[in-house]
């Protein structure tokens, strides 16, 4: 008889991925988070999406809004139809980077390029190119959750102002709260003077 392991989530929504054997792991990753890629195999074939995250242990990536798995959950404000959708991992071999000009899937060539900075230093780094040409595929800018100054409501001068002055003659909080928080199993109730 076959034994099944019980888990709170379906394996379709939260799969237990095994790590790839070390000899099968990719040595060079040409796709990074934020790249626009074309899916060339699977149920979302011939569609374009943005890479949300990269899992280098399993040679997979998650693409925003693609390869959605459904799980039926109780109806709630977040899921009014009672269906929870989650992006599932797609293998690295099933996606291709897009050509920067034509936006068509293209093969990639990596080359070491030397660049001179403003201060005169020469830096060499690996760069992605369209295979067989000198067209560089730039890496996407990192997205940060920057909060501008306008989102903060307190002025910098008000932050430094002292608004609480402790009084040693008064308890730190009202005596009703002390009575409420005291141990009810204690023989003598706490008295406040």
Protein backbone atom coordinates (compact mmCIF):
# COMPACT_ATOMS: atom_id res chain seq x y z
CA UNK A 1 0.00 0.00 0.00
CA UNK A 2 1.27 3.43 -0.86
CA UNK A 3 1.62 6.00 1.94
CA UNK A 4 0.77 9.64 1.39
CA UNK A 5 2.10 12.56 3.34
CA UNK A 6 -0.54 14.99 4.52
CA UNK A 7 0.18 18.68 4.10
CA UNK A 8 -1.92 21.79 4.59
CA UNK A 9 -1.47 22.97 0.98
CA UNK A 10 -1.96 21.11 -2.22
CA UNK A 11 1.22 20.05 -4.02
CA UNK A 12 -0.18 21.90 -7.04
CA UNK A 13 0.02 25.25 -5.19
CA UNK A 14 3.15 24.69 -3.12
CA UNK A 15 5.22 21.96 -4.77
CA UNK A 16 8.00 20.31 -2.86
CA UNK A 17 10.78 20.83 -5.39
CA UNK A 18 13.88 18.75 -5.02
CA UNK A 19 17.19 20.46 -5.54
CA UNK A 20 18.84 19.75 -8.88
CA UNK A 21 21.89 17.50 -8.89
CA UNK A 22 25.08 19.61 -8.78
CA UNK A 23 26.25 18.38 -12.20
CA UNK A 24 22.94 19.55 -13.75
CA UNK A 25 23.00 23.06 -12.25
CA UNK A 26 23.60 25.87 -14.71
CA UNK A 27 27.03 27.42 -14.42
CA UNK A 28 26.15 30.70 -16.15
CA UNK A 29 22.80 32.43 -15.77
CA UNK A 30 21.93 34.88 -18.53
CA UNK A 31 18.49 35.76 -17.19
CA UNK A 32 18.06 37.96 -14.12
CA UNK A 33 15.10 39.35 -12.19
CA UNK A 34 13.29 42.03 -14.16
CA UNK A 35 14.16 40.73 -17.65
CA UNK A 36 11.46 40.46 -20.31
CA UNK A 37 11.39 36.89 -21.63
CA UNK A 38 9.39 34.85 -24.15
CA UNK A 39 8.01 31.49 -23.05
CA UNK A 40 8.80 28.92 -25.75
CA UNK A 41 7.21 25.80 -24.22
CA UNK A 42 4.35 24.85 -21.92
CA UNK A 43 0.78 26.05 -21.57
CA UNK A 44 1.77 29.74 -21.89
CA UNK A 45 3.79 29.16 -25.07
CA UNK A 46 4.37 32.20 -27.33
CA UNK A 47 3.68 34.73 -24.57
CA UNK A 48 5.93 37.40 -23.08
CA UNK A 49 6.35 38.15 -19.38
CA UNK A 50 8.63 39.73 -16.81
CA UNK A 51 10.83 37.58 -14.57
CA UNK A 52 9.65 37.96 -10.97
CA UNK A 53 12.26 35.76 -9.29
CA UNK A 54 15.03 33.30 -10.12
CA UNK A 55 15.72 29.99 -8.33
CA UNK A 56 19.27 28.97 -9.17
CA UNK A 57 19.13 25.79 -7.07
CA UNK A 58 16.38 24.31 -9.25
CA UNK A 59 17.15 26.03 -12.60
CA UNK A 60 13.69 27.65 -12.56
CA UNK A 61 12.18 31.12 -12.73
CA UNK A 62 8.82 32.60 -11.85
CA UNK A 63 7.27 34.86 -14.48
CA UNK A 64 4.66 37.38 -13.45
CA UNK A 65 1.13 36.22 -14.34
CA UNK A 66 2.24 33.06 -16.21
CA UNK A 67 1.74 29.34 -15.52
CA UNK A 68 -0.97 29.99 -12.94
CA UNK A 69 -2.14 27.14 -10.73
CA UNK A 70 -5.59 27.27 -9.15
CA UNK A 71 -6.58 26.19 -5.66
CA UNK A 72 -10.11 26.35 -4.36
CA UNK A 73 -10.35 28.17 -1.03
CA UNK A 74 -13.28 29.50 1.01
CA UNK A 75 -14.71 32.71 -0.38
CA UNK A 76 -13.21 35.77 1.27
CA UNK A 77 -12.57 39.41 0.33
CA UNK A 78 -9.20 38.58 -1.25
CA UNK A 79 -10.70 35.74 -3.33
CA UNK A 80 -14.36 36.56 -4.06
CA UNK A 81 -14.72 33.67 -6.53
CA UNK A 82 -13.08 31.21 -4.10
CA UNK A 83 -10.09 30.49 -6.36
CA UNK A 84 -6.50 31.24 -5.32
CA UNK A 85 -4.09 31.64 -8.26
CA UNK A 86 -0.32 31.37 -7.91
CA UNK A 87 2.55 31.52 -10.40
CA UNK A 88 4.41 28.24 -10.68
CA UNK A 89 8.10 27.81 -11.58
CA UNK A 90 9.11 27.49 -15.24
CA UNK A 91 12.34 25.72 -16.21
CA UNK A 92 15.17 27.91 -17.52
CA UNK A 93 15.26 26.02 -20.82
CA UNK A 94 11.64 26.97 -21.59
CA UNK A 95 12.28 30.74 -21.83
CA UNK A 96 14.37 32.99 -24.07
CA UNK A 97 15.48 36.59 -23.72
CA UNK A 98 14.04 39.15 -26.13
CA UNK A 99 16.02 41.04 -28.77
CA UNK A 100 16.19 44.68 -27.54
CA UNK A 101 15.10 46.11 -30.93
CA UNK A 102 12.68 43.57 -32.45
CA UNK A 103 11.29 42.11 -29.18
CA UNK A 104 11.62 38.61 -30.65
CA UNK A 105 13.12 35.63 -28.78
CA UNK A 106 16.86 35.42 -29.38
CA UNK A 107 19.88 33.37 -28.38
CA UNK A 108 22.52 34.94 -26.17
CA UNK A 109 26.27 35.23 -26.27
CA UNK A 110 28.30 36.31 -23.20
CA UNK A 111 31.48 38.33 -23.64
CA UNK A 112 33.91 40.03 -21.31
CA UNK A 113 33.90 43.78 -21.97
CA UNK A 114 36.32 46.37 -20.61
CA UNK A 115 34.86 49.77 -19.75
CA UNK A 116 36.61 52.92 -18.58
CA UNK A 117 34.99 54.79 -15.70
CA UNK A 118 34.99 58.59 -15.18
CA UNK A 119 37.90 58.39 -12.73
CA UNK A 120 40.07 56.55 -15.26
CA UNK A 121 39.79 53.02 -13.85
CA UNK A 122 39.33 50.17 -16.31
CA UNK A 123 36.71 47.62 -15.26
CA UNK A 124 36.01 44.33 -17.03
CA UNK A 125 32.66 42.59 -16.67
CA UNK A 126 30.60 39.95 -18.44
CA UNK A 127 27.91 41.38 -20.74
CA UNK A 128 25.04 39.78 -22.69
CA UNK A 129 24.90 40.16 -26.48
CA UNK A 130 22.56 38.90 -29.19
CA UNK A 131 24.30 35.83 -30.61
CA UNK A 132 26.48 36.62 -33.63
CA UNK A 133 26.05 40.43 -33.40
CA UNK A 134 27.36 43.36 -31.38
CA UNK A 135 23.92 44.31 -30.01
CA UNK A 136 24.14 44.43 -26.23
CA UNK A 137 21.21 43.29 -24.08
CA UNK A 138 21.26 45.59 -21.04
CA UNK A 139 20.40 44.27 -17.60
CA UNK A 140 17.21 45.79 -16.15
CA UNK A 141 17.36 48.47 -13.48
CA UNK A 142 16.73 47.16 -9.98
CA UNK A 143 13.36 48.18 -8.58
CA UNK A 144 13.44 49.45 -5.03
CA UNK A 145 10.53 50.48 -2.85
CA UNK A 146 11.71 54.06 -2.49
CA UNK A 147 9.49 56.21 -0.35
CA UNK A 148 9.83 59.83 -1.28
CA UNK A 149 9.84 62.69 1.20
CA UNK A 150 6.23 63.51 0.38
CA UNK A 151 4.95 60.23 1.88
CA UNK A 152 6.14 61.12 5.39
CA UNK A 153 3.75 63.35 7.33
CA UNK A 154 6.07 64.42 10.16
CA UNK A 155 8.48 67.26 9.48
CA UNK A 156 12.15 66.63 10.40
CA UNK A 157 12.05 69.47 12.97
CA UNK A 158 9.03 67.93 14.72
CA UNK A 159 10.78 64.57 15.04
CA UNK A 160 13.47 66.04 17.30
CA UNK A 161 10.98 67.84 19.57
CA UNK A 162 10.54 66.25 23.02
CA UNK A 163 6.86 65.49 23.51
CA UNK A 164 6.96 63.23 26.59
CA UNK A 165 8.23 64.40 29.95
CA UNK A 166 8.15 61.64 32.59
CA UNK A 167 6.81 62.52 36.05
CA UNK A 168 8.36 60.37 38.84
CA UNK A 169 5.39 61.02 41.17
CA UNK A 170 2.88 59.38 38.79
CA UNK A 171 2.76 55.69 37.81
CA UNK A 172 3.64 55.01 34.16
CA UNK A 173 0.03 53.97 33.41
CA UNK A 174 -3.33 54.31 35.22
CA UNK A 175 -4.01 52.28 38.36
CA UNK A 176 -7.11 50.64 36.77
CA UNK A 177 -4.82 48.93 34.29
CA UNK A 178 -2.54 47.79 37.13
CA UNK A 179 -5.55 46.17 38.86
CA UNK A 180 -6.66 44.57 35.61
CA UNK A 181 -3.21 43.14 34.87
CA UNK A 182 -2.48 41.84 38.36
CA UNK A 183 -2.40 38.12 39.02
CA UNK A 184 -5.93 37.07 40.01
CA UNK A 185 -4.57 34.03 41.88
CA UNK A 186 -2.56 36.16 44.27
CA UNK A 187 -3.85 36.12 47.89
CA UNK A 188 -3.65 39.85 48.46
CA UNK A 189 -4.71 42.35 45.80
CA UNK A 190 -2.14 44.92 44.80
CA UNK A 191 -2.76 48.26 46.49
CA UNK A 192 -1.75 51.52 44.98
CA UNK A 193 -0.88 54.49 47.13
